[in-house]
Amino acid sequence: MSIITKSLLLFVLNWLDAQLTIVWVRGGWATEGNGLMARLLDAGNVPFLFTKLLVGALVAYTFFRFSHLTLARRGLHFALGLYLTLMLVHAATGASALGWQPPALVVAFVSTLPDNLLALFS
């Protein structure tokens, strides 16, 4: 997969994350974990979505623009890994919203995985 494809995938996953976050929060099934983004979401869907897409586009472009550097390529792969994991959390949230009861152990593992990964770098 080329760098441009990976950068575009990162942006699309960011957009999907934003859309699903709006659906889950407005539906009362979840809360926004990022305090700054939660404030923007409280201000409305448009400020939240605009900011999320702007930041996502800048990050994806930065990874693409500096893809000749090893750090940028690794950062892109790391960000894609985080977003793919986050998509599992969104899937679990959607299953819960539909009334499906996934195994509690799997949900607990998947929902804490992003925090545990970020804790490695704190």
N, C-alpha and C. Protein backbone atom coordinates (compact mmCIF):
# COMPACT_ATOMS: atom_id res chain seq x y z
N MET A 1 0.86 -1.17 0.00
CA MET A 1 0.00 0.00 0.00
C MET A 1 0.90 1.23 0.00
N SER A 2 0.61 2.19 -0.84
CA SER A 2 1.46 3.38 -0.97
C SER A 2 1.22 4.34 0.19
N ILE A 3 2.15 5.27 0.35
CA ILE A 3 2.06 6.26 1.42
C ILE A 3 0.83 7.14 1.24
N ILE A 4 0.52 7.52 0.01
CA ILE A 4 -0.66 8.36 -0.21
C ILE A 4 -1.94 7.61 0.16
N THR A 5 -1.99 6.32 -0.15
CA THR A 5 -3.15 5.51 0.21
C THR A 5 -3.29 5.41 1.72
N LYS A 6 -2.19 5.20 2.40
CA LYS A 6 -2.22 5.11 3.86
C LYS A 6 -2.63 6.44 4.49
N SER A 7 -2.13 7.54 3.93
CA SER A 7 -2.50 8.86 4.45
C SER A 7 -3.99 9.13 4.24
N LEU A 8 -4.50 8.77 3.07
CA LEU A 8 -5.93 8.92 2.81
C LEU A 8 -6.76 8.02 3.72
N LEU A 9 -6.28 6.81 3.96
CA LEU A 9 -6.97 5.90 4.87
C LEU A 9 -7.03 6.49 6.27
N LEU A 10 -5.93 7.10 6.71
CA LEU A 10 -5.92 7.74 8.02
C LEU A 10 -6.97 8.84 8.09
N PHE A 11 -7.06 9.66 7.05
CA PHE A 11 -8.05 10.73 7.03
C PHE A 11 -9.47 10.16 7.04
N VAL A 12 -9.72 9.13 6.26
CA VAL A 12 -11.06 8.51 6.21
C VAL A 12 -11.43 7.91 7.56
N LEU A 13 -10.48 7.25 8.21
CA LEU A 13 -10.75 6.68 9.54
C LEU A 13 -11.03 7.80 10.54
N ASN A 14 -10.33 8.92 10.43
CA ASN A 14 -10.57 10.07 11.29
C ASN A 14 -11.99 10.61 11.08
N TRP A 15 -12.38 10.71 9.80
CA TRP A 15 -13.73 11.18 9.48
C TRP A 15 -14.79 10.22 10.01
N LEU A 16 -14.56 8.92 9.83
CA LEU A 16 -15.50 7.92 10.33
C LEU A 16 -15.60 7.97 11.85
N ASP A 17 -14.47 8.14 12.51
CA ASP A 17 -14.45 8.28 13.97
C ASP A 17 -15.29 9.47 14.40
N ALA A 18 -15.14 10.59 13.70
CA ALA A 18 -15.91 11.79 14.03
C ALA A 18 -17.41 11.55 13.87
N GLN A 19 -17.79 10.95 12.75
CA GLN A 19 -19.21 10.69 12.50
C GLN A 19 -19.81 9.74 13.54
N LEU A 20 -19.09 8.65 13.81
CA LEU A 20 -19.58 7.69 14.81
C LEU A 20 -19.61 8.28 16.20
N THR A 21 -18.64 9.12 16.53
CA THR A 21 -18.65 9.78 17.84
C THR A 21 -19.90 10.64 17.99
N ILE A 22 -20.23 11.40 16.96
CA ILE A 22 -21.44 12.23 17.01
C ILE A 22 -22.67 11.35 17.21
N VAL A 23 -22.77 10.27 16.46
CA VAL A 23 -23.93 9.38 16.58
C VAL A 23 -24.03 8.80 17.99
N TRP A 24 -22.93 8.26 18.51
CA TRP A 24 -22.97 7.60 19.82
C TRP A 24 -23.22 8.61 20.94
N VAL A 25 -22.59 9.78 20.88
CA VAL A 25 -22.78 10.77 21.94
C VAL A 25 -24.18 11.35 21.89
N ARG A 26 -24.63 11.72 20.73
CA ARG A 26 -25.99 12.29 20.61
C ARG A 26 -27.06 11.25 20.95
N GLY A 27 -26.76 9.99 20.69
CA GLY A 27 -27.71 8.92 21.03
C GLY A 27 -27.68 8.54 22.50
N GLY A 28 -26.71 9.06 23.24
CA GLY A 28 -26.61 8.78 24.67
C GLY A 28 -25.92 7.46 24.99
N TRP A 29 -25.23 6.87 24.01
CA TRP A 29 -24.58 5.58 24.23
C TRP A 29 -23.12 5.70 24.64
N ALA A 30 -22.55 6.90 24.49
CA ALA A 30 -21.13 7.08 24.80
C ALA A 30 -20.87 8.54 25.15
N THR A 31 -19.66 8.79 25.62
CA THR A 31 -19.21 10.15 25.87
C THR A 31 -17.89 10.35 25.12
N GLU A 32 -17.58 11.59 24.84
CA GLU A 32 -16.30 11.91 24.19
C GLU A 32 -15.20 11.90 25.24
N GLY A 33 -14.17 11.10 25.02
CA GLY A 33 -13.10 10.94 26.00
C GLY A 33 -12.10 12.07 26.02
N ASN A 34 -11.97 12.81 24.94
CA ASN A 34 -11.03 13.93 24.85
C ASN A 34 -11.74 15.19 25.34
N GLY A 35 -11.22 15.80 26.40
CA GLY A 35 -11.87 16.97 27.00
C GLY A 35 -12.06 18.13 26.05
N LEU A 36 -11.05 18.45 25.25
CA LEU A 36 -11.16 19.55 24.29
C LEU A 36 -12.22 19.25 23.23
N MET A 37 -12.19 18.03 22.71
CA MET A 37 -13.17 17.67 21.69
C MET A 37 -14.58 17.59 22.29
N ALA A 38 -14.69 17.21 23.57
CA ALA A 38 -15.99 17.18 24.24
C ALA A 38 -16.57 18.58 24.32
N ARG A 39 -15.72 19.57 24.60
CA ARG A 39 -16.20 20.96 24.63
C ARG A 39 -16.68 21.41 23.26
N LEU A 40 -15.93 21.03 22.22
CA LEU A 40 -16.35 21.39 20.87
C LEU A 40 -17.66 20.69 20.50
N LEU A 41 -17.82 19.46 20.94
CA LEU A 41 -19.06 18.74 20.67
C LEU A 41 -20.23 19.37 21.42
N ASP A 42 -19.96 19.87 22.62
CA ASP A 42 -21.00 20.59 23.37
C ASP A 42 -21.41 21.87 22.63
N ALA A 43 -20.46 22.46 21.90
CA ALA A 43 -20.75 23.68 21.13
C ALA A 43 -21.57 23.37 19.88
N GLY A 44 -21.56 22.11 19.46
CA GLY A 44 -22.34 21.72 18.29
C GLY A 44 -21.59 20.74 17.42
N ASN A 45 -22.33 20.10 16.54
CA ASN A 45 -21.73 19.11 15.64
C ASN A 45 -20.76 19.74 14.64
N VAL A 46 -21.10 20.93 14.13
CA VAL A 46 -20.26 21.56 13.10
C VAL A 46 -18.89 21.95 13.64
N PRO A 47 -18.79 22.63 14.79
CA PRO A 47 -17.45 22.95 15.30
C PRO A 47 -16.62 21.70 15.58
N PHE A 48 -17.26 20.67 16.13
CA PHE A 48 -16.57 19.42 16.42
C PHE A 48 -16.06 18.78 15.13
N LEU A 49 -16.94 18.63 14.15
CA LEU A 49 -16.59 17.98 12.90
C LEU A 49 -15.53 18.77 12.13
N PHE A 50 -15.69 20.08 12.07
CA PHE A 50 -14.72 20.93 11.37
C PHE A 50 -13.33 20.78 11.98
N THR A 51 -13.24 20.88 13.31
CA THR A 51 -11.95 20.77 13.99
C THR A 51 -11.34 19.40 13.81
N LYS A 52 -12.16 18.37 13.99
CA LYS A 52 -11.68 16.98 13.85
C LYS A 52 -11.14 16.73 12.44
N LEU A 53 -11.87 17.19 11.42
CA LEU A 53 -11.43 16.97 10.05
C LEU A 53 -10.21 17.82 9.70
N LEU A 54 -10.15 19.04 10.22
CA LEU A 54 -9.00 19.89 9.97
C LEU A 54 -7.73 19.29 10.57
N VAL A 55 -7.81 18.87 11.82
CA VAL A 55 -6.65 18.26 12.48
C VAL A 55 -6.27 16.97 11.76
N GLY A 56 -7.26 16.14 11.43
CA GLY A 56 -6.99 14.89 10.72
C GLY A 56 -6.33 15.12 9.38
N ALA A 57 -6.80 16.12 8.65
CA ALA A 57 -6.21 16.43 7.34
C ALA A 57 -4.77 16.91 7.49
N LEU A 58 -4.52 17.76 8.48
CA LEU A 58 -3.16 18.26 8.70
C LEU A 58 -2.20 17.13 9.09
N VAL A 59 -2.66 16.24 9.93
CA VAL A 59 -1.82 15.12 10.35
C VAL A 59 -1.55 14.18 9.17
N ALA A 60 -2.58 13.84 8.43
CA ALA A 60 -2.41 12.95 7.27
C ALA A 60 -1.47 13.59 6.24
N TYR A 61 -1.63 14.89 6.00
CA TYR A 61 -0.76 15.58 5.05
C TYR A 61 0.69 15.61 5.55
N THR A 62 0.86 15.87 6.84
CA THR A 62 2.21 15.91 7.41
C THR A 62 2.90 14.56 7.27
N PHE A 63 2.19 13.49 7.59
CA PHE A 63 2.77 12.16 7.41
C PHE A 63 3.13 11.91 5.94
N PHE A 64 2.26 12.33 5.03
CA PHE A 64 2.53 12.16 3.60
C PHE A 64 3.72 13.01 3.16
N ARG A 65 3.70 14.28 3.54
CA ARG A 65 4.74 15.23 3.11
C ARG A 65 6.13 14.81 3.58
N PHE A 66 6.22 14.26 4.78
CA PHE A 66 7.52 13.88 5.34
C PHE A 66 7.73 12.37 5.33
N SER A 67 7.07 11.70 4.41
CA SER A 67 7.16 10.24 4.36
C SER A 67 8.55 9.74 4.00
N HIS A 68 9.41 10.62 3.55
CA HIS A 68 10.79 10.21 3.28
C HIS A 68 11.56 9.98 4.59
N LEU A 69 11.00 10.44 5.70
CA LEU A 69 11.62 10.23 7.01
C LEU A 69 11.04 8.98 7.67
N THR A 70 11.91 8.20 8.26
CA THR A 70 11.48 6.97 8.94
C THR A 70 10.48 7.27 10.04
N LEU A 71 10.71 8.34 10.79
CA LEU A 71 9.81 8.68 11.90
C LEU A 71 8.39 8.94 11.40
N ALA A 72 8.25 9.61 10.27
CA ALA A 72 6.92 9.89 9.72
C ALA A 72 6.24 8.60 9.27
N ARG A 73 6.98 7.72 8.63
CA ARG A 73 6.38 6.45 8.18
C ARG A 73 5.95 5.61 9.39
N ARG A 74 6.78 5.57 10.41
CA ARG A 74 6.40 4.82 11.62
C ARG A 74 5.23 5.49 12.34
N GLY A 75 5.23 6.81 12.37
CA GLY A 75 4.11 7.53 12.98
C GLY A 75 2.81 7.26 12.27
N LEU A 76 2.87 7.20 10.95
CA LEU A 76 1.68 6.90 10.15
C LEU A 76 1.17 5.50 10.47
N HIS A 77 2.06 4.54 10.54
CA HIS A 77 1.65 3.16 10.87
C HIS A 77 1.08 3.09 12.29
N PHE A 78 1.68 3.80 13.22
CA PHE A 78 1.18 3.82 14.59
C PHE A 78 -0.22 4.44 14.65
N ALA A 79 -0.40 5.58 13.96
CA ALA A 79 -1.71 6.24 13.95
C ALA A 79 -2.77 5.36 13.31
N LEU A 80 -2.41 4.68 12.22
CA LEU A 80 -3.36 3.76 11.59
C LEU A 80 -3.74 2.63 12.54
N GLY A 81 -2.76 2.11 13.27
CA GLY A 81 -3.04 1.06 14.25
C GLY A 81 -4.00 1.54 15.33
N LEU A 82 -3.77 2.76 15.81
CA LEU A 82 -4.68 3.32 16.83
C LEU A 82 -6.09 3.48 16.29
N TYR A 83 -6.20 4.01 15.08
CA TYR A 83 -7.54 4.23 14.51
C TYR A 83 -8.24 2.91 14.20
N LEU A 84 -7.51 1.92 13.76
CA LEU A 84 -8.15 0.62 13.52
C LEU A 84 -8.63 0.01 14.83
N THR A 85 -7.85 0.18 15.90
CA THR A 85 -8.29 -0.28 17.22
C THR A 85 -9.52 0.50 17.67
N LEU A 86 -9.51 1.80 17.41
CA LEU A 86 -10.66 2.63 17.77
C LEU A 86 -11.92 2.20 17.02
N MET A 87 -11.75 1.71 15.80
CA MET A 87 -12.91 1.22 15.05
C MET A 87 -13.53 -0.01 15.74
N LEU A 88 -12.70 -0.80 16.40
CA LEU A 88 -13.23 -1.93 17.19
C LEU A 88 -14.07 -1.43 18.37
N VAL A 89 -13.59 -0.36 18.98
CA VAL A 89 -14.36 0.24 20.09
C VAL A 89 -15.70 0.76 19.55
N HIS A 90 -15.68 1.42 18.41
CA HIS A 90 -16.93 1.90 17.81
C HIS A 90 -17.85 0.73 17.47
N ALA A 91 -17.29 -0.36 16.98
CA ALA A 91 -18.11 -1.54 16.67
C ALA A 91 -18.76 -2.10 17.94
N ALA A 92 -18.01 -2.14 19.03
CA ALA A 92 -18.56 -2.62 20.30
C ALA A 92 -19.66 -1.68 20.80
N THR A 93 -19.44 -0.38 20.63
CA THR A 93 -20.45 0.60 21.03
C THR A 93 -21.72 0.42 20.20
N GLY A 94 -21.54 0.23 18.90
CA GLY A 94 -22.69 0.01 18.03
C GLY A 94 -23.45 -1.26 18.38
N ALA A 95 -22.71 -2.32 18.70
CA ALA A 95 -23.35 -3.58 19.10
C ALA A 95 -24.15 -3.37 20.37
N SER A 96 -23.57 -2.63 21.30
CA SER A 96 -24.27 -2.36 22.56
C SER A 96 -25.51 -1.50 22.32
N ALA A 97 -25.38 -0.51 21.44
CA ALA A 97 -26.52 0.36 21.13
C ALA A 97 -27.66 -0.42 20.48
N LEU A 98 -27.32 -1.46 19.73
CA LEU A 98 -28.34 -2.29 19.09
C LEU A 98 -28.90 -3.36 20.03
N GLY A 99 -28.36 -3.41 21.24
CA GLY A 99 -28.86 -4.37 22.20
C GLY A 99 -28.14 -5.70 22.19
N TRP A 100 -27.11 -5.82 21.37
CA TRP A 100 -26.34 -7.06 21.35
C TRP A 100 -25.47 -7.11 22.58
N GLN A 101 -25.27 -8.27 23.10
CA GLN A 101 -24.46 -8.43 24.31
C GLN A 101 -23.17 -9.18 23.96
N PRO A 102 -22.14 -8.45 23.52
CA PRO A 102 -20.87 -9.13 23.24
C PRO A 102 -20.24 -9.61 24.54
N PRO A 103 -19.34 -10.57 24.46
CA PRO A 103 -18.69 -11.04 25.68
C PRO A 103 -18.02 -9.89 26.42
N ALA A 104 -18.29 -9.79 27.71
CA ALA A 104 -17.80 -8.67 28.51
C ALA A 104 -16.27 -8.58 28.52
N LEU A 105 -15.59 -9.70 28.52
CA LEU A 105 -14.14 -9.69 28.54
C LEU A 105 -13.57 -9.05 27.27
N VAL A 106 -14.15 -9.36 26.13
CA VAL A 106 -13.68 -8.80 24.86
C VAL A 106 -13.92 -7.30 24.83
N VAL A 107 -15.09 -6.86 25.25
CA VAL A 107 -15.41 -5.44 25.26
C VAL A 107 -14.48 -4.70 26.21
N ALA A 108 -14.23 -5.25 27.38
CA ALA A 108 -13.34 -4.60 28.35
C ALA A 108 -11.94 -4.47 27.78
N PHE A 109 -11.45 -5.51 27.12
CA PHE A 109 -10.11 -5.47 26.54
C PHE A 109 -10.03 -4.42 25.43
N VAL A 110 -10.97 -4.46 24.50
CA VAL A 110 -10.92 -3.56 23.35
C VAL A 110 -11.12 -2.11 23.78
N SER A 111 -12.01 -1.86 24.72
CA SER A 111 -12.28 -0.48 25.11
C SER A 111 -11.14 0.14 25.90
N THR A 112 -10.30 -0.64 26.55
CA THR A 112 -9.17 -0.07 27.29
C THR A 112 -7.88 -0.10 26.49
N LEU A 113 -7.87 -0.73 25.34
CA LEU A 113 -6.65 -0.86 24.55
C LEU A 113 -6.05 0.50 24.13
N PRO A 114 -6.83 1.45 23.60
CA PRO A 114 -6.21 2.73 23.24
C PRO A 114 -5.57 3.43 24.43
N ASP A 115 -6.24 3.44 25.59
CA ASP A 115 -5.65 4.06 26.78
C ASP A 115 -4.37 3.35 27.21
N ASN A 116 -4.38 2.03 27.14
CA ASN A 116 -3.18 1.27 27.52
C ASN A 116 -2.04 1.52 26.56
N LEU A 117 -2.33 1.64 25.27
CA LEU A 117 -1.29 1.94 24.30
C LEU A 117 -0.71 3.34 24.53
N LEU A 118 -1.58 4.30 24.79
CA LEU A 118 -1.10 5.66 25.04
C LEU A 118 -0.31 5.77 26.33
N ALA A 119 -0.66 4.96 27.32
CA ALA A 119 0.05 4.95 28.59
C ALA A 119 1.51 4.52 28.43
N LEU A 120 1.78 3.75 27.40
CA LEU A 120 3.17 3.35 27.14
C LEU A 120 4.06 4.54 26.84
N PHE A 121 3.47 5.63 26.34
CA PHE A 121 4.24 6.80 25.93
C PHE A 121 4.15 7.96 26.92
N SER A 122 3.48 7.74 28.05
CA SER A 122 3.34 8.81 29.06
C SER A 122 4.50 8.81 30.01
